């Protein structure tokens, strides 16, 4: 493998890591209307979830934790309604709202 090929591979790997995961994107909403982290955590906890941490990603709340079925998951929630949009476990989608609405 030539040096230029190695440099090209490293460049492509470094640029893809700088973006959001792209796993799910929520519709654009007014940031002022978003639920706060505490509100999201309280709602999920009341529904049987355990939240370990969360962050913004793709215009959604991306939540890491345990779902009511005791699975360690990554979930994307609508930032205004708090509705679960996508849940995945170790890279496998276990719930996708787009499939549920068909």
N, C-alpha and C. Protein backbone atom coordinates (compact mmCIF):
# COMPACT_ATOMS: atom_id res chain seq x y z
N UNK A 1 0.85 -1.17 0.00
CA UNK A 1 0.00 0.00 0.00
C UNK A 1 0.90 1.24 0.00
N UNK A 2 0.60 2.17 -0.88
CA UNK A 2 1.42 3.37 -0.96
C UNK A 2 1.06 4.35 0.13
N UNK A 3 1.95 5.28 0.37
CA UNK A 3 1.70 6.32 1.40
C UNK A 3 0.47 7.16 1.06
N UNK A 4 0.28 7.43 -0.22
CA UNK A 4 -0.88 8.25 -0.59
C UNK A 4 -2.18 7.50 -0.34
N UNK A 5 -2.20 6.19 -0.54
CA UNK A 5 -3.40 5.41 -0.25
C UNK A 5 -3.69 5.39 1.25
N UNK A 6 -2.65 5.23 2.04
CA UNK A 6 -2.81 5.23 3.50
C UNK A 6 -3.32 6.58 3.97
N UNK A 7 -2.76 7.66 3.42
CA UNK A 7 -3.21 9.00 3.78
C UNK A 7 -4.67 9.22 3.42
N UNK A 8 -5.07 8.72 2.26
CA UNK A 8 -6.46 8.85 1.82
C UNK A 8 -7.41 8.09 2.75
N UNK A 9 -7.03 6.90 3.14
CA UNK A 9 -7.85 6.11 4.06
C UNK A 9 -7.97 6.82 5.40
N UNK A 10 -6.86 7.29 5.94
CA UNK A 10 -6.88 8.00 7.23
C UNK A 10 -7.71 9.26 7.15
N UNK A 11 -7.62 9.97 6.04
CA UNK A 11 -8.41 11.19 5.87
C UNK A 11 -9.90 10.87 5.85
N UNK A 12 -10.29 9.83 5.15
CA UNK A 12 -11.71 9.48 5.08
C UNK A 12 -12.23 9.04 6.44
N UNK A 13 -11.43 8.33 7.21
CA UNK A 13 -11.85 7.92 8.55
C UNK A 13 -11.97 9.11 9.49
N UNK A 14 -11.08 10.05 9.39
CA UNK A 14 -11.12 11.19 10.31
C UNK A 14 -12.26 12.13 9.99
N UNK A 15 -12.64 12.27 8.73
CA UNK A 15 -13.72 13.19 8.40
C UNK A 15 -15.09 12.60 8.74
N UNK A 16 -15.24 11.30 8.67
CA UNK A 16 -16.54 10.73 8.99
C UNK A 16 -16.82 10.78 10.48
N UNK A 17 -15.82 10.75 11.30
CA UNK A 17 -16.01 10.78 12.74
C UNK A 17 -16.44 12.14 13.26
N UNK A 18 -16.30 13.18 12.48
CA UNK A 18 -16.60 14.53 12.94
C UNK A 18 -18.08 14.87 12.84
N UNK A 19 -18.84 14.07 12.14
CA UNK A 19 -20.26 14.34 11.94
C UNK A 19 -21.11 13.62 12.98
N UNK A 20 -22.36 13.99 13.06
CA UNK A 20 -23.31 13.25 13.90
C UNK A 20 -23.38 11.82 13.39
N UNK A 21 -23.82 10.94 14.22
CA UNK A 21 -23.83 9.52 13.84
C UNK A 21 -24.67 9.25 12.61
N UNK A 22 -25.70 10.05 12.40
CA UNK A 22 -26.55 9.85 11.24
C UNK A 22 -27.51 8.69 11.39
N UNK A 23 -27.58 8.13 12.57
CA UNK A 23 -28.46 6.99 12.82
C UNK A 23 -29.92 7.39 12.66
N UNK A 24 -30.26 8.61 13.13
CA UNK A 24 -31.63 9.09 13.02
C UNK A 24 -31.59 10.61 13.05
N UNK A 25 -32.46 11.24 12.30
CA UNK A 25 -32.57 12.70 12.29
C UNK A 25 -34.01 13.08 12.59
N UNK A 26 -34.19 13.96 13.56
CA UNK A 26 -35.52 14.48 13.89
C UNK A 26 -35.81 15.70 13.02
N UNK A 27 -37.09 15.99 12.86
CA UNK A 27 -37.49 17.18 12.11
C UNK A 27 -36.93 18.42 12.80
N UNK A 28 -36.69 19.45 12.02
CA UNK A 28 -36.19 20.70 12.57
C UNK A 28 -37.24 21.33 13.48
N UNK A 29 -36.83 21.71 14.68
CA UNK A 29 -37.74 22.34 15.63
C UNK A 29 -37.04 23.53 16.28
N UNK A 30 -37.84 24.41 16.85
CA UNK A 30 -37.31 25.55 17.56
C UNK A 30 -36.62 25.07 18.83
N UNK A 31 -35.36 25.37 18.98
CA UNK A 31 -34.57 24.90 20.13
C UNK A 31 -35.21 25.34 21.46
N UNK A 32 -35.87 26.46 21.48
CA UNK A 32 -36.51 26.94 22.71
C UNK A 32 -37.66 26.04 23.16
N UNK A 33 -38.20 25.25 22.23
CA UNK A 33 -39.33 24.37 22.55
C UNK A 33 -38.88 23.00 23.04
N UNK A 34 -37.59 22.73 22.99
CA UNK A 34 -37.08 21.41 23.38
C UNK A 34 -37.32 21.12 24.85
N UNK A 35 -37.59 19.86 25.16
CA UNK A 35 -37.61 19.40 26.55
C UNK A 35 -36.17 19.44 27.07
N UNK A 36 -36.02 19.72 28.34
CA UNK A 36 -34.71 19.71 28.94
C UNK A 36 -34.28 18.28 29.28
N UNK A 37 -33.00 18.11 29.56
CA UNK A 37 -32.49 16.79 29.92
C UNK A 37 -33.22 16.20 31.12
N UNK A 38 -33.52 17.05 32.11
CA UNK A 38 -34.22 16.57 33.30
C UNK A 38 -35.61 16.08 32.95
N UNK A 39 -36.32 16.82 32.11
CA UNK A 39 -37.67 16.40 31.71
C UNK A 39 -37.64 15.08 30.96
N UNK A 40 -36.69 14.92 30.05
CA UNK A 40 -36.58 13.68 29.28
C UNK A 40 -36.27 12.52 30.23
N UNK A 41 -35.32 12.73 31.12
CA UNK A 41 -34.94 11.68 32.08
C UNK A 41 -36.12 11.29 32.96
N UNK A 42 -36.86 12.27 33.46
CA UNK A 42 -38.03 11.98 34.31
C UNK A 42 -39.08 11.19 33.56
N UNK A 43 -39.36 11.55 32.31
CA UNK A 43 -40.37 10.84 31.52
C UNK A 43 -39.95 9.40 31.26
N UNK A 44 -38.69 9.23 30.88
CA UNK A 44 -38.21 7.87 30.61
C UNK A 44 -38.19 7.02 31.88
N UNK A 45 -37.76 7.60 32.97
CA UNK A 45 -37.71 6.87 34.25
C UNK A 45 -39.11 6.43 34.65
N UNK A 46 -40.08 7.30 34.48
CA UNK A 46 -41.47 6.96 34.80
C UNK A 46 -41.99 5.82 33.92
N UNK A 47 -41.42 5.68 32.72
CA UNK A 47 -41.84 4.62 31.80
C UNK A 47 -41.00 3.35 31.96
N UNK A 48 -40.13 3.32 32.98
CA UNK A 48 -39.35 2.11 33.25
C UNK A 48 -37.95 2.08 32.69
N UNK A 49 -37.48 3.19 32.15
CA UNK A 49 -36.13 3.27 31.61
C UNK A 49 -35.15 3.66 32.72
N UNK A 50 -33.88 3.35 32.51
CA UNK A 50 -32.79 3.87 33.32
C UNK A 50 -31.87 4.61 32.37
N UNK A 51 -31.66 5.90 32.61
CA UNK A 51 -30.86 6.73 31.72
C UNK A 51 -29.46 6.88 32.30
N UNK A 52 -28.44 6.53 31.49
CA UNK A 52 -27.08 6.72 31.96
C UNK A 52 -26.52 8.06 31.51
N UNK A 53 -26.77 8.45 30.25
CA UNK A 53 -26.41 9.78 29.78
C UNK A 53 -27.12 10.08 28.47
N UNK A 54 -27.09 11.35 28.09
CA UNK A 54 -27.75 11.77 26.86
C UNK A 54 -27.00 12.94 26.25
N UNK A 55 -27.27 13.14 24.96
CA UNK A 55 -26.67 14.27 24.23
C UNK A 55 -27.57 14.59 23.05
N UNK A 56 -27.32 15.72 22.43
CA UNK A 56 -28.03 16.10 21.22
C UNK A 56 -27.35 15.43 20.04
N UNK A 57 -28.13 14.88 19.12
CA UNK A 57 -27.58 14.29 17.91
C UNK A 57 -28.66 14.25 16.84
N UNK A 58 -28.36 14.80 15.69
CA UNK A 58 -29.30 14.76 14.58
C UNK A 58 -30.60 15.50 14.85
N UNK A 59 -30.55 16.52 15.71
CA UNK A 59 -31.77 17.26 16.05
C UNK A 59 -32.66 16.51 17.03
N UNK A 60 -32.14 15.44 17.62
CA UNK A 60 -32.89 14.62 18.59
C UNK A 60 -32.14 14.61 19.91
N UNK A 61 -32.79 14.07 20.93
CA UNK A 61 -32.09 13.68 22.14
C UNK A 61 -31.64 12.24 21.92
N UNK A 62 -30.35 12.00 22.04
CA UNK A 62 -29.81 10.65 21.95
C UNK A 62 -29.56 10.18 23.38
N UNK A 63 -30.21 9.11 23.77
CA UNK A 63 -30.18 8.65 25.15
C UNK A 63 -29.54 7.26 25.21
N UNK A 64 -28.64 7.09 26.16
CA UNK A 64 -28.02 5.79 26.41
C UNK A 64 -28.51 5.29 27.76
N UNK A 65 -28.89 4.03 27.81
CA UNK A 65 -29.36 3.49 29.07
C UNK A 65 -29.98 2.12 28.91
N UNK A 66 -30.92 1.82 29.78
CA UNK A 66 -31.60 0.52 29.80
C UNK A 66 -33.09 0.75 29.60
N UNK A 67 -33.67 0.02 28.66
CA UNK A 67 -35.10 0.18 28.38
C UNK A 67 -35.93 -0.66 29.35
N UNK A 68 -37.26 -0.58 29.29
CA UNK A 68 -38.10 -1.33 30.22
C UNK A 68 -37.94 -2.86 30.13
N UNK A 69 -37.39 -3.35 29.01
CA UNK A 69 -37.15 -4.78 28.87
C UNK A 69 -35.75 -5.15 29.38
N UNK A 70 -35.10 -4.20 30.06
CA UNK A 70 -33.77 -4.39 30.65
C UNK A 70 -32.67 -4.62 29.61
N UNK A 71 -32.85 -4.05 28.41
CA UNK A 71 -31.83 -4.12 27.36
C UNK A 71 -31.01 -2.84 27.40
N UNK A 72 -29.69 -2.96 27.31
CA UNK A 72 -28.84 -1.77 27.18
C UNK A 72 -29.02 -1.25 25.76
N UNK A 73 -29.48 -0.01 25.64
CA UNK A 73 -29.84 0.52 24.33
C UNK A 73 -29.37 1.96 24.14
N UNK A 74 -29.46 2.37 22.89
CA UNK A 74 -29.29 3.76 22.47
C UNK A 74 -30.62 4.14 21.85
N UNK A 75 -31.20 5.25 22.30
CA UNK A 75 -32.51 5.66 21.79
C UNK A 75 -32.47 7.11 21.34
N UNK A 76 -33.22 7.40 20.30
CA UNK A 76 -33.39 8.77 19.82
C UNK A 76 -34.81 9.20 20.14
N UNK A 77 -34.93 10.36 20.78
CA UNK A 77 -36.23 10.89 21.16
C UNK A 77 -36.49 12.22 20.48
N UNK A 78 -37.75 12.45 20.11
CA UNK A 78 -38.14 13.74 19.53
C UNK A 78 -37.88 14.80 20.60
N UNK A 79 -37.22 15.88 20.25
CA UNK A 79 -36.81 16.86 21.26
C UNK A 79 -37.94 17.66 21.89
N UNK A 80 -39.09 17.75 21.23
CA UNK A 80 -40.21 18.53 21.76
C UNK A 80 -41.25 17.63 22.43
N UNK A 81 -41.62 16.55 21.78
CA UNK A 81 -42.64 15.66 22.34
C UNK A 81 -42.07 14.63 23.30
N UNK A 82 -40.80 14.30 23.15
CA UNK A 82 -40.19 13.26 23.97
C UNK A 82 -40.52 11.86 23.48
N UNK A 83 -41.21 11.76 22.35
CA UNK A 83 -41.60 10.45 21.82
C UNK A 83 -40.37 9.70 21.30
N UNK A 84 -40.29 8.42 21.64
CA UNK A 84 -39.19 7.58 21.17
C UNK A 84 -39.31 7.40 19.67
N UNK A 85 -38.22 7.70 18.96
CA UNK A 85 -38.20 7.62 17.52
C UNK A 85 -37.48 6.35 17.02
N UNK A 86 -36.40 6.00 17.70
CA UNK A 86 -35.59 4.86 17.28
C UNK A 86 -34.89 4.29 18.51
N UNK A 87 -34.83 2.97 18.58
CA UNK A 87 -34.09 2.29 19.65
C UNK A 87 -33.21 1.24 19.00
N UNK A 88 -31.94 1.24 19.37
CA UNK A 88 -31.05 0.21 18.85
C UNK A 88 -30.26 -0.41 19.99
N UNK A 89 -29.89 -1.67 19.78
CA UNK A 89 -29.10 -2.40 20.75
C UNK A 89 -27.92 -3.01 20.01
N UNK A 90 -26.74 -2.56 20.38
CA UNK A 90 -25.50 -3.04 19.74
C UNK A 90 -25.57 -2.96 18.22
N UNK A 91 -26.10 -1.85 17.73
CA UNK A 91 -26.16 -1.61 16.30
C UNK A 91 -27.36 -2.20 15.59
N UNK A 92 -28.17 -2.98 16.27
CA UNK A 92 -29.37 -3.57 15.67
C UNK A 92 -30.59 -2.77 16.09
N UNK A 93 -31.36 -2.31 15.13
CA UNK A 93 -32.56 -1.53 15.41
C UNK A 93 -33.62 -2.46 15.99
N UNK A 94 -34.13 -2.10 17.18
CA UNK A 94 -35.19 -2.89 17.81
C UNK A 94 -36.53 -2.17 17.76
N UNK A 95 -36.51 -0.86 17.46
CA UNK A 95 -37.74 -0.10 17.25
C UNK A 95 -37.41 1.09 16.37
N UNK A 96 -38.25 1.32 15.37
CA UNK A 96 -38.13 2.48 14.49
C UNK A 96 -39.53 3.01 14.26
N UNK A 97 -39.79 4.24 14.66
CA UNK A 97 -41.13 4.82 14.55
C UNK A 97 -41.60 4.86 13.10
N UNK A 98 -40.66 4.97 12.17
CA UNK A 98 -41.04 5.00 10.75
C UNK A 98 -41.69 3.67 10.34
N UNK A 99 -41.25 2.56 10.94
CA UNK A 99 -41.85 1.26 10.65
C UNK A 99 -43.20 1.13 11.36
N UNK A 100 -43.30 1.70 12.55
CA UNK A 100 -44.54 1.60 13.34
C UNK A 100 -45.68 2.39 12.71
N UNK A 101 -45.35 3.43 11.94
CA UNK A 101 -46.37 4.29 11.34
C UNK A 101 -46.81 3.81 9.96
N UNK A 102 -46.29 2.70 9.50
CA UNK A 102 -46.68 2.21 8.16
C UNK A 102 -47.96 1.43 8.22
